[in-house]
Amino acid sequence: MYITYRESHTYQLRAYLYQARDLISEDSSGLSDPYAKVVYGNQSKSTKILSETLCPTWNQTIILDKIQIWGCPEEVCAHPPLSALNCSTSIRWDTISWGEL
């Protein structure tokens, strides 16, 4: 048994990202260069990278256009699909100690 949808609709995903708190330090300074990434299907966009902070405030809206979802709008509204948010840090290669080879 399987479900067959006969129609698809195009949507826009809008994610408002305000801030993160108490992130883990990722470099020798005790701080991080964090950014957030919104992912849906094969689309993704990132916030700006904020330097040297563990409590970033982005205050930024990420928009993913032309998202195709199969099914009737009422069903999509009742059971919206999942998306992902990933908070990472930018690696500054000049601050990494590679040691002796």
N, C-alpha and C. Protein backbone atom coordinates (compact mmCIF):
# COMPACT_ATOMS: atom_id res chain seq x y z
N MET A 1 0.84 -1.17 0.00
CA MET A 1 0.00 0.00 0.00
C MET A 1 0.88 1.24 0.00
N TYR A 2 0.51 2.24 -0.76
CA TYR A 2 1.25 3.48 -0.81
C TYR A 2 0.30 4.63 -1.11
N ILE A 3 0.77 5.84 -0.86
CA ILE A 3 -0.03 7.04 -1.09
C ILE A 3 0.43 7.70 -2.38
N THR A 4 -0.51 8.10 -3.20
CA THR A 4 -0.19 8.81 -4.44
C THR A 4 -0.79 10.21 -4.37
N TYR A 5 0.05 11.22 -4.57
CA TYR A 5 -0.42 12.60 -4.62
C TYR A 5 -0.49 13.03 -6.07
N ARG A 6 -1.54 13.69 -6.43
CA ARG A 6 -1.74 14.08 -7.83
C ARG A 6 -1.33 15.52 -8.11
N GLU A 7 -1.11 16.28 -7.07
CA GLU A 7 -0.78 17.69 -7.29
C GLU A 7 0.34 18.13 -6.36
N SER A 8 1.10 19.09 -6.83
CA SER A 8 2.12 19.69 -5.98
C SER A 8 1.89 21.20 -5.96
N HIS A 9 2.39 21.81 -4.93
CA HIS A 9 2.28 23.27 -4.79
C HIS A 9 3.66 23.82 -4.45
N THR A 10 3.88 25.05 -4.83
CA THR A 10 5.15 25.71 -4.56
C THR A 10 4.99 26.64 -3.38
N TYR A 11 5.92 26.53 -2.43
CA TYR A 11 5.86 27.32 -1.21
C TYR A 11 7.17 28.09 -1.02
N GLN A 12 7.15 28.96 -0.01
CA GLN A 12 8.34 29.69 0.39
C GLN A 12 8.54 29.44 1.88
N LEU A 13 9.75 29.03 2.27
CA LEU A 13 10.06 28.83 3.67
C LEU A 13 10.77 30.07 4.19
N ARG A 14 10.26 30.62 5.28
CA ARG A 14 10.87 31.78 5.92
C ARG A 14 11.23 31.42 7.34
N ALA A 15 12.49 31.55 7.68
CA ALA A 15 12.97 31.24 9.03
C ALA A 15 13.61 32.50 9.61
N TYR A 16 13.03 32.98 10.72
CA TYR A 16 13.60 34.13 11.40
C TYR A 16 14.52 33.63 12.50
N LEU A 17 15.79 33.99 12.43
CA LEU A 17 16.79 33.54 13.39
C LEU A 17 17.23 34.74 14.22
N TYR A 18 16.92 34.69 15.49
CA TYR A 18 17.25 35.81 16.35
C TYR A 18 18.62 35.61 17.01
N GLN A 19 18.75 34.61 17.89
CA GLN A 19 20.02 34.46 18.58
C GLN A 19 20.21 33.03 19.09
N ALA A 20 21.43 32.75 19.48
CA ALA A 20 21.77 31.51 20.17
C ALA A 20 22.51 31.89 21.44
N ARG A 21 22.48 31.01 22.41
CA ARG A 21 23.15 31.32 23.68
C ARG A 21 24.01 30.16 24.14
N ASP A 22 25.07 30.50 24.82
CA ASP A 22 25.94 29.52 25.48
C ASP A 22 26.45 28.44 24.53
N LEU A 23 26.96 28.86 23.38
CA LEU A 23 27.56 27.91 22.46
C LEU A 23 28.88 27.41 23.02
N ILE A 24 29.34 26.31 22.50
CA ILE A 24 30.61 25.73 22.93
C ILE A 24 31.76 26.41 22.20
N SER A 25 32.82 26.70 22.93
CA SER A 25 34.00 27.32 22.34
C SER A 25 34.63 26.37 21.33
N GLU A 26 35.05 26.91 20.19
CA GLU A 26 35.63 26.09 19.13
C GLU A 26 37.06 26.46 18.78
N ASP A 27 37.62 27.48 19.39
CA ASP A 27 39.01 27.82 19.07
C ASP A 27 39.79 28.18 20.33
N SER A 28 41.07 28.46 20.16
CA SER A 28 41.96 28.68 21.30
C SER A 28 41.65 29.95 22.08
N SER A 29 40.90 30.88 21.50
CA SER A 29 40.56 32.12 22.21
C SER A 29 39.46 31.91 23.24
N GLY A 30 38.81 30.74 23.21
CA GLY A 30 37.69 30.49 24.11
C GLY A 30 36.37 30.94 23.53
N LEU A 31 36.40 31.41 22.29
CA LEU A 31 35.19 31.89 21.62
C LEU A 31 34.95 31.10 20.34
N SER A 32 33.93 31.46 19.60
CA SER A 32 33.63 30.81 18.32
C SER A 32 33.25 31.87 17.29
N ASP A 33 33.17 31.46 16.03
CA ASP A 33 32.69 32.30 14.94
C ASP A 33 31.44 31.63 14.37
N PRO A 34 30.30 31.72 15.08
CA PRO A 34 29.13 30.93 14.73
C PRO A 34 28.32 31.49 13.56
N TYR A 35 27.61 30.55 12.93
CA TYR A 35 26.60 30.86 11.93
C TYR A 35 25.54 29.78 12.02
N ALA A 36 24.35 30.06 11.52
CA ALA A 36 23.27 29.08 11.49
C ALA A 36 22.93 28.78 10.04
N LYS A 37 22.51 27.55 9.79
CA LYS A 37 22.17 27.12 8.43
C LYS A 37 20.79 26.47 8.45
N VAL A 38 19.90 26.94 7.58
CA VAL A 38 18.57 26.37 7.44
C VAL A 38 18.60 25.44 6.23
N VAL A 39 18.11 24.21 6.43
CA VAL A 39 18.13 23.21 5.36
C VAL A 39 16.73 22.65 5.16
N TYR A 40 16.31 22.61 3.90
CA TYR A 40 15.06 21.93 3.55
C TYR A 40 15.27 21.25 2.20
N GLY A 41 15.14 19.94 2.18
CA GLY A 41 15.36 19.19 0.94
C GLY A 41 16.76 19.43 0.42
N ASN A 42 16.85 19.87 -0.84
CA ASN A 42 18.17 20.12 -1.42
C ASN A 42 18.55 21.60 -1.39
N GLN A 43 17.81 22.41 -0.63
CA GLN A 43 18.11 23.83 -0.52
C GLN A 43 18.64 24.16 0.88
N SER A 44 19.54 25.12 0.93
CA SER A 44 20.03 25.59 2.22
C SER A 44 20.58 27.01 2.08
N LYS A 45 20.51 27.74 3.15
CA LYS A 45 21.10 29.08 3.23
C LYS A 45 21.61 29.29 4.64
N SER A 46 22.63 30.14 4.76
CA SER A 46 23.26 30.40 6.05
C SER A 46 23.14 31.86 6.44
N THR A 47 23.22 32.09 7.74
CA THR A 47 23.28 33.46 8.25
C THR A 47 24.68 34.00 8.04
N LYS A 48 24.87 35.25 8.37
CA LYS A 48 26.22 35.81 8.35
C LYS A 48 27.02 35.18 9.50
N ILE A 49 28.31 35.13 9.35
CA ILE A 49 29.21 34.61 10.39
C ILE A 49 29.51 35.75 11.35
N LEU A 50 29.32 35.51 12.63
CA LEU A 50 29.63 36.51 13.64
C LEU A 50 30.92 36.10 14.34
N SER A 51 31.86 37.01 14.41
CA SER A 51 33.19 36.70 14.94
C SER A 51 33.25 36.74 16.46
N GLU A 52 33.97 35.78 17.02
CA GLU A 52 34.37 35.74 18.41
C GLU A 52 33.23 35.99 19.41
N THR A 53 32.27 35.07 19.41
CA THR A 53 31.17 35.17 20.36
C THR A 53 30.62 33.79 20.67
N LEU A 54 30.08 33.64 21.87
CA LEU A 54 29.39 32.41 22.24
C LEU A 54 27.88 32.64 22.35
N CYS A 55 27.45 33.89 22.19
CA CYS A 55 26.03 34.25 22.25
C CYS A 55 25.70 35.16 21.06
N PRO A 56 25.66 34.60 19.85
CA PRO A 56 25.43 35.43 18.66
C PRO A 56 23.99 35.93 18.55
N THR A 57 23.84 37.14 18.05
CA THR A 57 22.52 37.68 17.71
C THR A 57 22.55 37.99 16.22
N TRP A 58 21.85 37.16 15.44
CA TRP A 58 21.82 37.35 14.00
C TRP A 58 20.72 38.32 13.59
N ASN A 59 19.53 38.19 14.17
CA ASN A 59 18.39 39.04 13.82
C ASN A 59 18.23 39.06 12.29
N GLN A 60 18.11 37.89 11.70
CA GLN A 60 18.15 37.73 10.25
C GLN A 60 17.06 36.76 9.80
N THR A 61 16.46 37.03 8.65
CA THR A 61 15.47 36.14 8.06
C THR A 61 16.09 35.41 6.88
N ILE A 62 15.98 34.09 6.89
CA ILE A 62 16.45 33.25 5.79
C ILE A 62 15.22 32.85 4.97
N ILE A 63 15.29 33.02 3.65
CA ILE A 63 14.17 32.67 2.77
C ILE A 63 14.63 31.64 1.75
N LEU A 64 13.90 30.53 1.69
CA LEU A 64 14.12 29.52 0.67
C LEU A 64 12.90 29.54 -0.26
N ASP A 65 13.14 29.85 -1.52
CA ASP A 65 12.05 29.97 -2.50
C ASP A 65 11.85 28.67 -3.27
N LYS A 66 10.69 28.60 -3.90
CA LYS A 66 10.35 27.51 -4.83
C LYS A 66 10.51 26.13 -4.22
N ILE A 67 9.92 25.95 -3.05
CA ILE A 67 9.91 24.63 -2.41
C ILE A 67 8.66 23.90 -2.88
N GLN A 68 8.86 22.78 -3.54
CA GLN A 68 7.75 22.00 -4.07
C GLN A 68 7.36 20.93 -3.06
N ILE A 69 6.07 20.94 -2.67
CA ILE A 69 5.54 19.95 -1.74
C ILE A 69 4.31 19.32 -2.37
N TRP A 70 4.29 18.00 -2.37
CA TRP A 70 3.18 17.26 -2.95
C TRP A 70 2.07 17.08 -1.92
N GLY A 71 0.82 17.18 -2.38
CA GLY A 71 -0.34 17.00 -1.53
C GLY A 71 -1.19 18.25 -1.51
N CYS A 72 -2.38 18.12 -0.96
CA CYS A 72 -3.29 19.27 -0.92
C CYS A 72 -2.85 20.24 0.17
N PRO A 73 -3.10 21.53 -0.02
CA PRO A 73 -2.66 22.54 0.96
C PRO A 73 -3.20 22.30 2.37
N GLU A 74 -4.41 21.78 2.49
CA GLU A 74 -4.99 21.53 3.81
C GLU A 74 -4.18 20.46 4.56
N GLU A 75 -3.75 19.44 3.84
CA GLU A 75 -2.95 18.38 4.45
C GLU A 75 -1.56 18.91 4.85
N VAL A 76 -0.97 19.73 4.00
CA VAL A 76 0.34 20.32 4.30
C VAL A 76 0.24 21.23 5.53
N CYS A 77 -0.85 21.98 5.61
CA CYS A 77 -1.06 22.87 6.76
C CYS A 77 -1.25 22.07 8.05
N ALA A 78 -1.99 20.98 7.96
CA ALA A 78 -2.25 20.15 9.15
C ALA A 78 -1.00 19.37 9.58
N HIS A 79 -0.18 18.95 8.62
CA HIS A 79 1.02 18.17 8.90
C HIS A 79 2.19 18.71 8.11
N PRO A 80 2.74 19.86 8.54
CA PRO A 80 3.84 20.47 7.77
C PRO A 80 5.09 19.59 7.78
N PRO A 81 5.84 19.62 6.69
CA PRO A 81 7.07 18.82 6.63
C PRO A 81 8.14 19.39 7.56
N LEU A 82 9.10 18.55 7.92
CA LEU A 82 10.19 18.96 8.80
C LEU A 82 11.28 19.66 8.02
N SER A 83 11.94 20.59 8.67
CA SER A 83 13.14 21.22 8.12
C SER A 83 14.20 21.15 9.22
N ALA A 84 15.41 21.53 8.89
CA ALA A 84 16.50 21.42 9.86
C ALA A 84 17.19 22.76 10.03
N LEU A 85 17.67 23.00 11.24
CA LEU A 85 18.48 24.17 11.55
C LEU A 85 19.76 23.67 12.18
N ASN A 86 20.88 24.10 11.64
CA ASN A 86 22.18 23.66 12.14
C ASN A 86 22.97 24.90 12.55
N CYS A 87 23.48 24.91 13.76
CA CYS A 87 24.32 26.00 14.23
C CYS A 87 25.75 25.49 14.28
N SER A 88 26.63 26.12 13.52
CA SER A 88 28.02 25.67 13.42
C SER A 88 28.96 26.84 13.65
N THR A 89 30.22 26.55 13.56
CA THR A 89 31.22 27.59 13.70
C THR A 89 32.10 27.62 12.45
N SER A 90 32.53 28.78 12.09
CA SER A 90 33.43 28.94 10.96
C SER A 90 34.85 28.66 11.43
N ILE A 91 35.55 27.83 10.69
CA ILE A 91 36.93 27.51 11.07
C ILE A 91 37.87 28.53 10.44
N ARG A 92 38.65 29.17 11.29
CA ARG A 92 39.65 30.11 10.79
C ARG A 92 40.96 29.36 10.70
N TRP A 93 41.38 29.05 9.49
CA TRP A 93 42.56 28.21 9.27
C TRP A 93 43.84 28.82 9.82
N ASP A 94 43.89 30.13 9.94
CA ASP A 94 45.11 30.76 10.44
C ASP A 94 45.27 30.58 11.95
N THR A 95 44.22 30.11 12.65
CA THR A 95 44.34 29.95 14.10
C THR A 95 44.55 28.48 14.50
N ILE A 96 44.58 27.58 13.52
CA ILE A 96 44.76 26.17 13.83
C ILE A 96 46.25 25.82 13.88
N SER A 97 46.64 25.17 14.95
CA SER A 97 48.02 24.72 15.08
C SER A 97 48.11 23.29 14.57
N TRP A 98 48.85 23.08 13.48
CA TRP A 98 48.93 21.77 12.86
C TRP A 98 50.02 20.91 13.48
N GLY A 99 50.90 21.46 14.27
CA GLY A 99 51.97 20.68 14.87
C GLY A 99 53.04 20.34 13.82
N GLU A 100 53.95 19.50 14.21
CA GLU A 100 55.03 19.11 13.29
C GLU A 100 54.64 17.87 12.52
N LEU A 101 54.98 17.86 11.24
CA LEU A 101 54.70 16.70 10.41
C LEU A 101 55.93 15.84 10.29
